[in-house]
C-alpha atoms as a PDB file:
ATOM      1  CA  UNK A   1      19.209 -27.783 -14.372  1.00  0.00           C
ATOM      2  CA  UNK A   2      15.912 -29.434 -14.027  1.00  0.00           C
ATOM      3  CA  UNK A   3      14.106 -26.921 -16.379  1.00  0.00           C
ATOM      4  CA  UNK A   4      15.645 -28.681 -19.323  1.00  0.00           C
ATOM      5  CA  UNK A   5      13.856 -31.730 -21.069  1.00  0.00           C
ATOM      6  CA  UNK A   6      14.661 -34.738 -19.109  1.00  0.00           C
ATOM      7  CA  UNK A   7      17.177 -37.190 -20.686  1.00  0.00           C
ATOM      8  CA  UNK A   8      16.053 -39.805 -18.118  1.00  0.00           C
ATOM      9  CA  UNK A   9      13.126 -41.014 -20.016  1.00  0.00           C
ATOM     10  CA  UNK A  10      13.448 -44.433 -21.176  1.00  0.00           C
ATOM     11  CA  UNK A  11      17.135 -44.467 -19.782  1.00  0.00           C
ATOM     12  CA  UNK A  12      16.845 -44.576 -16.085  1.00  0.00           C
ATOM     13  CA  UNK A  13      14.122 -46.985 -15.028  1.00  0.00           C
ATOM     14  CA  UNK A  14      12.838 -47.103 -11.417  1.00  0.00           C
ATOM     15  CA  UNK A  15      14.643 -49.699  -9.249  1.00  0.00           C
ATOM     16  CA  UNK A  16      13.719 -51.809  -6.237  1.00  0.00           C
ATOM     17  CA  UNK A  17      10.042 -52.050  -6.910  1.00  0.00           C
ATOM     18  CA  UNK A  18       8.322 -53.169  -3.803  1.00  0.00           C
ATOM     19  CA  UNK A  19       5.203 -55.493  -3.609  1.00  0.00           C
ATOM     20  CA  UNK A  20       3.716 -53.103  -0.849  1.00  0.00           C
ATOM     21  CA  UNK A  21       0.600 -51.656  -2.538  1.00  0.00           C
ATOM     22  CA  UNK A  22      -2.218 -49.731  -0.622  1.00  0.00           C
ATOM     23  CA  UNK A  23      -5.317 -49.062  -2.658  1.00  0.00           C
ATOM     24  CA  UNK A  24      -8.534 -46.931  -1.996  1.00  0.00           C
ATOM     25  CA  UNK A  25     -11.262 -46.341  -4.597  1.00  0.00           C
ATOM     26  CA  UNK A  26      -9.573 -43.034  -5.692  1.00  0.00           C
ATOM     27  CA  UNK A  27      -5.986 -43.421  -4.679  1.00  0.00           C
ATOM     28  CA  UNK A  28      -3.435 -46.074  -5.086  1.00  0.00           C
ATOM     29  CA  UNK A  29      -0.055 -46.035  -3.399  1.00  0.00           C
ATOM     30  CA  UNK A  30       2.863 -48.300  -4.648  1.00  0.00           C
ATOM     31  CA  UNK A  31       6.282 -48.323  -3.220  1.00  0.00           C
ATOM     32  CA  UNK A  32       9.357 -48.305  -5.457  1.00  0.00           C
ATOM     33  CA  UNK A  33      12.263 -48.714  -2.892  1.00  0.00           C
ATOM     34  CA  UNK A  34      11.953 -45.834  -0.641  1.00  0.00           C
ATOM     35  CA  UNK A  35       9.800 -43.781  -3.204  1.00  0.00           C
ATOM     36  CA  UNK A  36       6.008 -43.729  -2.644  1.00  0.00           C
ATOM     37  CA  UNK A  37       4.087 -43.500  -5.979  1.00  0.00           C
ATOM     38  CA  UNK A  38       0.787 -41.879  -5.045  1.00  0.00           C
ATOM     39  CA  UNK A  39      -1.692 -42.119  -7.945  1.00  0.00           C
ATOM     40  CA  UNK A  40      -5.112 -40.242  -8.133  1.00  0.00           C
ATOM     41  CA  UNK A  41      -7.736 -41.726 -10.414  1.00  0.00           C
ATOM     42  CA  UNK A  42     -11.378 -41.175 -10.138  1.00  0.00           C
ATOM     43  CA  UNK A  43     -11.871 -42.982 -13.595  1.00  0.00           C
ATOM     44  CA  UNK A  44     -12.861 -39.610 -15.162  1.00  0.00           C
ATOM     45  CA  UNK A  45     -11.065 -36.096 -14.997  1.00  0.00           C
ATOM     46  CA  UNK A  46      -9.586 -36.453 -11.455  1.00  0.00           C
ATOM     47  CA  UNK A  47     -11.730 -33.429 -10.337  1.00  0.00           C
ATOM     48  CA  UNK A  48     -11.152 -32.728  -6.668  1.00  0.00           C
ATOM     49  CA  UNK A  49     -14.002 -33.655  -4.596  1.00  0.00           C
ATOM     50  CA  UNK A  50     -14.073 -34.245  -0.751  1.00  0.00           C
ATOM     51  CA  UNK A  51     -13.673 -38.120  -1.470  1.00  0.00           C
ATOM     52  CA  UNK A  52     -10.493 -37.574  -3.579  1.00  0.00           C
ATOM     53  CA  UNK A  53      -8.993 -35.069  -1.200  1.00  0.00           C
ATOM     54  CA  UNK A  54      -9.672 -37.320   1.813  1.00  0.00           C
ATOM     55  CA  UNK A  55      -8.132 -40.356   0.101  1.00  0.00           C
ATOM     56  CA  UNK A  56      -5.051 -38.281  -0.879  1.00  0.00           C
ATOM     57  CA  UNK A  57      -4.643 -36.995   2.628  1.00  0.00           C
ATOM     58  CA  UNK A  58      -4.650 -40.539   3.955  1.00  0.00           C
ATOM     59  CA  UNK A  59      -2.086 -41.642   1.381  1.00  0.00           C
ATOM     60  CA  UNK A  60       0.226 -38.746   2.330  1.00  0.00           C
ATOM     61  CA  UNK A  61      -0.021 -39.611   5.852  1.00  0.00           C
ATOM     62  CA  UNK A  62       1.223 -43.278   5.196  1.00  0.00           C
ATOM     63  CA  UNK A  63       3.915 -42.069   2.777  1.00  0.00           C
ATOM     64  CA  UNK A  64       5.206 -39.649   5.171  1.00  0.00           C
ATOM     65  CA  UNK A  65       5.596 -42.457   7.722  1.00  0.00           C
ATOM     66  CA  UNK A  66       6.853 -45.203   5.332  1.00  0.00           C
ATOM     67  CA  UNK A  67       8.850 -43.477   2.311  1.00  0.00           C
ATOM     68  CA  UNK A  68      11.716 -40.952   1.833  1.00  0.00           C
ATOM     69  CA  UNK A  69      10.276 -39.522  -1.144  1.00  0.00           C
ATOM     70  CA  UNK A  70       6.936 -39.061  -2.843  1.00  0.00           C
ATOM     71  CA  UNK A  71       5.695 -38.978  -6.603  1.00  0.00           C
ATOM     72  CA  UNK A  72       2.189 -37.568  -7.071  1.00  0.00           C
ATOM     73  CA  UNK A  73       0.688 -38.759 -10.165  1.00  0.00           C
ATOM     74  CA  UNK A  74      -2.810 -38.599 -12.109  1.00  0.00           C
ATOM     75  CA  UNK A  75      -4.581 -41.177 -14.263  1.00  0.00           C
ATOM     76  CA  UNK A  76      -3.510 -41.513 -17.977  1.00  0.00           C
ATOM     77  CA  UNK A  77      -4.509 -38.264 -19.878  1.00  0.00           C
ATOM     78  CA  UNK A  78      -5.391 -36.437 -16.593  1.00  0.00           C
ATOM     79  CA  UNK A  79      -3.375 -35.042 -13.807  1.00  0.00           C
ATOM     80  CA  UNK A  80      -6.172 -33.040 -12.233  1.00  0.00           C
ATOM     81  CA  UNK A  81      -8.997 -30.860 -13.711  1.00  0.00           C
ATOM     82  CA  UNK A  82      -9.518 -28.693 -10.785  1.00  0.00           C
ATOM     83  CA  UNK A  83     -12.169 -28.650  -8.136  1.00  0.00           C
ATOM     84  CA  UNK A  84     -15.576 -30.429  -8.678  1.00  0.00           C
ATOM     85  CA  UNK A  85     -17.491 -27.972 -10.702  1.00  0.00           C
ATOM     86  CA  UNK A  86     -20.841 -29.488  -9.609  1.00  0.00           C
ATOM     87  CA  UNK A  87     -19.957 -27.977  -6.169  1.00  0.00           C
ATOM     88  CA  UNK A  88     -18.014 -24.937  -7.209  1.00  0.00           C
ATOM     89  CA  UNK A  89     -20.702 -23.817  -9.678  1.00  0.00           C
ATOM     90  CA  UNK A  90     -23.785 -25.617  -8.655  1.00  0.00           C
ATOM     91  CA  UNK A  91     -23.755 -25.763  -4.838  1.00  0.00           C
ATOM     92  CA  UNK A  92     -24.391 -23.102  -2.237  1.00  0.00           C
ATOM     93  CA  UNK A  93     -21.856 -20.663  -0.979  1.00  0.00           C
ATOM     94  CA  UNK A  94     -21.033 -22.808   2.353  1.00  0.00           C
ATOM     95  CA  UNK A  95     -20.469 -25.948   0.416  1.00  0.00           C
ATOM     96  CA  UNK A  96     -18.229 -24.015  -1.919  1.00  0.00           C
ATOM     97  CA  UNK A  97     -16.238 -22.528   0.791  1.00  0.00           C
ATOM     98  CA  UNK A  98     -15.943 -25.890   2.430  1.00  0.00           C
ATOM     99  CA  UNK A  99     -14.416 -27.767  -0.606  1.00  0.00           C
ATOM    100  CA  UNK A 100     -12.211 -24.671  -1.554  1.00  0.00           C
ATOM    101  CA  UNK A 101     -10.737 -24.733   1.912  1.00  0.00           C
ATOM    102  CA  UNK A 102     -10.025 -28.457   1.882  1.00  0.00           C
ATOM    103  CA  UNK A 103      -8.228 -28.013  -1.349  1.00  0.00           C
ATOM    104  CA  UNK A 104      -6.253 -25.091   0.147  1.00  0.00           C
ATOM    105  CA  UNK A 105      -5.233 -27.253   3.040  1.00  0.00           C
ATOM    106  CA  UNK A 106      -4.161 -29.907   0.661  1.00  0.00           C
ATOM    107  CA  UNK A 107      -2.061 -27.394  -1.306  1.00  0.00           C
ATOM    108  CA  UNK A 108      -0.662 -26.036   1.910  1.00  0.00           C
ATOM    109  CA  UNK A 109       0.363 -29.450   3.022  1.00  0.00           C
ATOM    110  CA  UNK A 110       2.060 -30.440  -0.209  1.00  0.00           C
ATOM    111  CA  UNK A 111       4.169 -27.155  -0.333  1.00  0.00           C
ATOM    112  CA  UNK A 112       5.345 -27.720   3.242  1.00  0.00           C
ATOM    113  CA  UNK A 113       5.688 -31.661   2.776  1.00  0.00           C
ATOM    114  CA  UNK A 114       8.886 -32.758   4.477  1.00  0.00           C
ATOM    115  CA  UNK A 115       9.807 -35.405   1.886  1.00  0.00           C
ATOM    116  CA  UNK A 116      10.941 -34.696  -1.574  1.00  0.00           C
ATOM    117  CA  UNK A 117       7.753 -34.351  -3.688  1.00  0.00           C
ATOM    118  CA  UNK A 118       7.901 -34.985  -7.495  1.00  0.00           C
ATOM    119  CA  UNK A 119       4.748 -34.493  -9.548  1.00  0.00           C
ATOM    120  CA  UNK A 120       4.140 -36.835 -12.473  1.00  0.00           C
ATOM    121  CA  UNK A 121       1.653 -34.857 -14.517  1.00  0.00           C
ATOM    122  CA  UNK A 122       0.340 -37.640 -16.669  1.00  0.00           C
ATOM    123  CA  UNK A 123      -2.081 -35.326 -18.657  1.00  0.00           C
ATOM    124  CA  UNK A 124      -3.779 -32.038 -18.397  1.00  0.00           C
ATOM    125  CA  UNK A 125      -3.566 -30.006 -15.044  1.00  0.00           C
ATOM    126  CA  UNK A 126      -5.986 -27.195 -14.966  1.00  0.00           C
ATOM    127  CA  UNK A 127      -7.121 -24.813 -12.080  1.00  0.00           C
ATOM    128  CA  UNK A 128      -6.491 -26.721  -8.747  1.00  0.00           C
ATOM    129  CA  UNK A 129      -4.668 -29.295 -10.871  1.00  0.00           C
ATOM    130  CA  UNK A 130      -2.069 -26.540 -11.982  1.00  0.00           C
ATOM    131  CA  UNK A 131      -1.866 -25.281  -8.334  1.00  0.00           C
ATOM    132  CA  UNK A 132      -0.860 -28.791  -7.188  1.00  0.00           C
ATOM    133  CA  UNK A 133       1.957 -28.739  -9.699  1.00  0.00           C
ATOM    134  CA  UNK A 134       3.120 -25.510  -8.166  1.00  0.00           C
ATOM    135  CA  UNK A 135       2.961 -26.954  -4.872  1.00  0.00           C
ATOM    136  CA  UNK A 136       5.268 -29.889  -5.761  1.00  0.00           C
ATOM    137  CA  UNK A 137       9.184 -29.586  -5.619  1.00  0.00           C
ATOM    138  CA  UNK A 138       9.967 -30.969  -9.137  1.00  0.00           C
ATOM    139  CA  UNK A 139       7.349 -31.370 -11.899  1.00  0.00           C
ATOM    140  CA  UNK A 140       7.450 -33.855 -14.736  1.00  0.00           C
ATOM    141  CA  UNK A 141       5.040 -33.484 -17.789  1.00  0.00           C
ATOM    142  CA  UNK A 142       4.515 -34.981 -21.345  1.00  0.00           C
ATOM    143  CA  UNK A 143       6.281 -33.426 -24.227  1.00  0.00           C
ATOM    144  CA  UNK A 144       3.035 -32.889 -26.205  1.00  0.00           C
ATOM    145  CA  UNK A 145      -0.622 -33.015 -26.381  1.00  0.00           C
ATOM    146  CA  UNK A 146      -1.880 -31.539 -22.838  1.00  0.00           C
ATOM    147  CA  UNK A 147      -2.854 -28.399 -21.489  1.00  0.00           C
ATOM    148  CA  UNK A 148      -1.609 -26.654 -18.196  1.00  0.00           C
ATOM    149  CA  UNK A 149      -2.943 -23.404 -16.390  1.00  0.00           C
ATOM    150  CA  UNK A 150      -5.213 -21.502 -14.271  1.00  0.00           C
ATOM    151  CA  UNK A 151      -8.492 -20.926 -15.970  1.00  0.00           C
ATOM    152  CA  UNK A 152     -10.450 -19.157 -12.919  1.00  0.00           C
ATOM    153  CA  UNK A 153     -10.735 -15.804 -14.715  1.00  0.00           C
ATOM    154  CA  UNK A 154     -12.173 -17.487 -17.908  1.00  0.00           C
ATOM    155  CA  UNK A 155     -14.780 -19.310 -15.837  1.00  0.00           C
ATOM    156  CA  UNK A 156     -15.854 -16.333 -13.492  1.00  0.00           C
ATOM    157  CA  UNK A 157     -14.095 -17.678 -10.313  1.00  0.00           C
ATOM    158  CA  UNK A 158     -11.632 -15.730  -8.169  1.00  0.00           C
ATOM    159  CA  UNK A 159      -8.610 -17.442  -7.601  1.00  0.00           C
ATOM    160  CA  UNK A 160      -8.026 -18.371  -3.860  1.00  0.00           C
ATOM    161  CA  UNK A 161      -5.128 -16.708  -1.864  1.00  0.00           C
ATOM    162  CA  UNK A 162      -3.359 -20.228  -1.815  1.00  0.00           C
ATOM    163  CA  UNK A 163      -3.477 -20.094  -5.624  1.00  0.00           C
ATOM    164  CA  UNK A 164      -2.150 -16.516  -6.021  1.00  0.00           C
ATOM    165  CA  UNK A 165       0.658 -16.925  -3.491  1.00  0.00           C
ATOM    166  CA  UNK A 166       1.849 -20.128  -4.926  1.00  0.00           C
ATOM    167  CA  UNK A 167       1.746 -18.483  -8.404  1.00  0.00           C
ATOM    168  CA  UNK A 168       3.836 -15.495  -7.137  1.00  0.00           C
ATOM    169  CA  UNK A 169       6.392 -17.970  -5.534  1.00  0.00           C
ATOM    170  CA  UNK A 170       6.504 -20.490  -8.543  1.00  0.00           C
ATOM    171  CA  UNK A 171       5.687 -18.823 -11.825  1.00  0.00           C
ATOM    172  CA  UNK A 172       8.150 -16.761 -13.786  1.00  0.00           C
ATOM    173  CA  UNK A 173       7.319 -13.105 -13.191  1.00  0.00           C
ATOM    174  CA  UNK A 174       6.873 -12.378 -16.888  1.00  0.00           C
ATOM    175  CA  UNK A 175       4.229 -14.739 -17.050  1.00  0.00           C
ATOM    176  CA  UNK A 176       2.508 -13.973 -13.776  1.00  0.00           C
ATOM    177  CA  UNK A 177      -0.348 -11.672 -15.314  1.00  0.00           C
ATOM    178  CA  UNK A 178      -0.864 -13.841 -18.400  1.00  0.00           C
ATOM    179  CA  UNK A 179      -1.228 -17.126 -16.255  1.00  0.00           C
ATOM    180  CA  UNK A 180      -3.199 -15.649 -13.283  1.00  0.00           C
ATOM    181  CA  UNK A 181      -5.159 -12.741 -14.498  1.00  0.00           C
ATOM    182  CA  UNK A 182      -5.597 -13.525 -18.294  1.00  0.00           C
ATOM    183  CA  UNK A 183      -6.147 -17.513 -17.880  1.00  0.00           C
ATOM    184  CA  UNK A 184      -3.469 -18.323 -20.404  1.00  0.00           C
ATOM    185  CA  UNK A 185      -3.375 -22.024 -21.077  1.00  0.00           C
ATOM    186  CA  UNK A 186      -0.150 -23.443 -21.899  1.00  0.00           C
ATOM    187  CA  UNK A 187       1.167 -26.347 -23.927  1.00  0.00           C
ATOM    188  CA  UNK A 188       3.972 -28.450 -22.226  1.00  0.00           C
ATOM    189  CA  UNK A 189       6.873 -26.278 -23.539  1.00  0.00           C
ATOM    190  CA  UNK A 190       5.217 -23.036 -22.382  1.00  0.00           C
ATOM    191  CA  UNK A 191       4.344 -24.651 -18.997  1.00  0.00           C
ATOM    192  CA  UNK A 192       7.972 -25.195 -18.543  1.00  0.00           C
ATOM    193  CA  UNK A 193       8.779 -21.499 -19.544  1.00  0.00           C
ATOM    194  CA  UNK A 194       6.055 -20.258 -17.408  1.00  0.00           C
ATOM    195  CA  UNK A 195       7.065 -22.589 -14.264  1.00  0.00           C
ATOM    196  CA  UNK A 196       4.226 -25.069 -14.000  1.00  0.00           C
ATOM    197  CA  UNK A 197       6.670 -27.875 -15.142  1.00  0.00           C
ATOM    198  CA  UNK A 198      10.377 -28.524 -14.817  1.00  0.00           C
ATOM    199  CA  UNK A 199      10.954 -31.573 -16.850  1.00  0.00           C
ATOM    200  CA  UNK A 200       9.448 -32.938 -20.053  1.00  0.00           C
ATOM    201  CA  UNK A 201       9.537 -36.763 -21.108  1.00  0.00           C
ATOM    202  CA  UNK A 202       7.306 -38.933 -23.601  1.00  0.00           C
ATOM    203  CA  UNK A 203       3.906 -39.362 -22.171  1.00  0.00           C
ATOM    204  CA  UNK A 204       4.621 -43.065 -21.565  1.00  0.00           C
ATOM    205  CA  UNK A 205       7.672 -42.240 -19.512  1.00  0.00           C
ATOM    206  CA  UNK A 206       6.449 -39.372 -17.287  1.00  0.00           C
ATOM    207  CA  UNK A 207       5.771 -41.582 -14.210  1.00  0.00           C
ATOM    208  CA  UNK A 208       9.012 -43.512 -14.859  1.00  0.00           C
ATOM    209  CA  UNK A 209      11.024 -40.270 -15.012  1.00  0.00           C
ATOM    210  CA  UNK A 210       9.438 -38.738 -11.904  1.00  0.00           C
ATOM    211  CA  UNK A 211      10.174 -41.928  -9.922  1.00  0.00           C
ATOM    212  CA  UNK A 212      14.008 -41.875 -11.202  1.00  0.00           C
ATOM    213  CA  UNK A 213      14.181 -38.202 -10.193  1.00  0.00           C
ATOM    214  CA  UNK A 214      12.639 -39.063  -6.839  1.00  0.00           C
ATOM    215  CA  UNK A 215      15.050 -41.894  -6.175  1.00  0.00           C
ATOM    216  CA  UNK A 216      17.821 -39.333  -6.761  1.00  0.00           C
ATOM    217  CA  UNK A 217      16.334 -37.010  -4.185  1.00  0.00           C
ATOM    218  CA  UNK A 218      16.200 -39.751  -1.688  1.00  0.00           C
ATOM    219  CA  UNK A 219      19.961 -39.568  -1.579  1.00  0.00           C
ATOM    220  CA  UNK A 220      19.942 -36.388   0.124  1.00  0.00           C
ATOM    221  CA  UNK A 221      19.647 -36.001   4.030  1.00  0.00           C
ATOM    222  CA  UNK A 222      15.991 -35.957   4.754  1.00  0.00           C
ATOM    223  CA  UNK A 223      16.021 -33.594   7.852  1.00  0.00           C
ATOM    224  CA  UNK A 224      18.214 -31.001   5.948  1.00  0.00           C
ATOM    225  CA  UNK A 225      15.938 -31.045   2.972  1.00  0.00           C
ATOM    226  CA  UNK A 226      12.728 -30.705   5.029  1.00  0.00           C
ATOM    227  CA  UNK A 227      14.387 -27.838   6.983  1.00  0.00           C
ATOM    228  CA  UNK A 228      15.796 -25.916   4.062  1.00  0.00           C
ATOM    229  CA  UNK A 229      12.320 -26.326   2.030  1.00  0.00           C
ATOM    230  CA  UNK A 230      10.549 -24.943   5.071  1.00  0.00           C
ATOM    231  CA  UNK A 231      12.913 -21.879   5.357  1.00  0.00           C
ATOM    232  CA  UNK A 232      12.555 -21.146   1.572  1.00  0.00           C
ATOM    233  CA  UNK A 233       8.806 -21.358   1.679  1.00  0.00           C
ATOM    234  CA  UNK A 234       8.100 -20.206   5.097  1.00  0.00           C
ATOM    235  CA  UNK A 235       6.597 -16.760   4.196  1.00  0.00           C
ATOM    236  CA  UNK A 236       4.352 -18.034   1.525  1.00  0.00           C
ATOM    237  CA  UNK A 237       3.236 -20.924   3.986  1.00  0.00           C
ATOM    238  CA  UNK A 238       2.349 -18.487   6.845  1.00  0.00           C
ATOM    239  CA  UNK A 239       0.328 -16.319   4.254  1.00  0.00           C
ATOM    240  CA  UNK A 240      -1.584 -19.286   2.912  1.00  0.00           C
ATOM    241  CA  UNK A 241      -1.874 -20.819   6.406  1.00  0.00           C
ATOM    242  CA  UNK A 242      -3.320 -17.404   7.636  1.00  0.00           C
ATOM    243  CA  UNK A 243      -5.851 -17.175   4.873  1.00  0.00           C
ATOM    244  CA  UNK A 244      -7.177 -20.795   5.547  1.00  0.00           C
ATOM    245  CA  UNK A 245      -7.256 -20.101   9.413  1.00  0.00           C
ATOM    246  CA  UNK A 246      -4.744 -22.753  10.164  1.00  0.00           C
END
């Protein structure tokens, strides 16, 4: 049902906006009732550096303690452009492995996150950005103008196990080879068909729509939600965890 274009955009507006706001240089958390809106914004492409991942880790810690659902959003025009290429293409093997593992730990955490987790893809989601979408429960994206996909083959990088396993879990089987092996990049409609996104909304309403969906999910019993999510994803979480030596 969520794979159809959202009719929420512009109709259901987030309610119970709290004044509680937590800010770091890279991540802002704002409460909308029981929903924590966690926004990544490095002022550029939202490339995943150690600093961005650390800020996101801290925000998720706080949200897990204080909220009943989380919306993960990017900055205007950029959800996440992947790992910091200054490290992944310019640093030594040890530095590359360290950043890749930290990103993998984040993906593992998001995929097993006990609260309802809705992605608000406010723009392009490429490489790790696309994997972050795969790790979220429900994914909202813009109706046009942005790109989604796994470009690792195209830029000469192997996709880590956490990427391939989530792709096998969340992408439509008919798109798996194109998306993972052939680096196909999708427009929003194609991203819904492939399985990167579930719901489309006008760009200006993506975050609003994601918050409205999260507020609906808050009504579900939290313990049952977490338990059933874990059961459905247990095998993949174990495979990814093993590859990361968790």
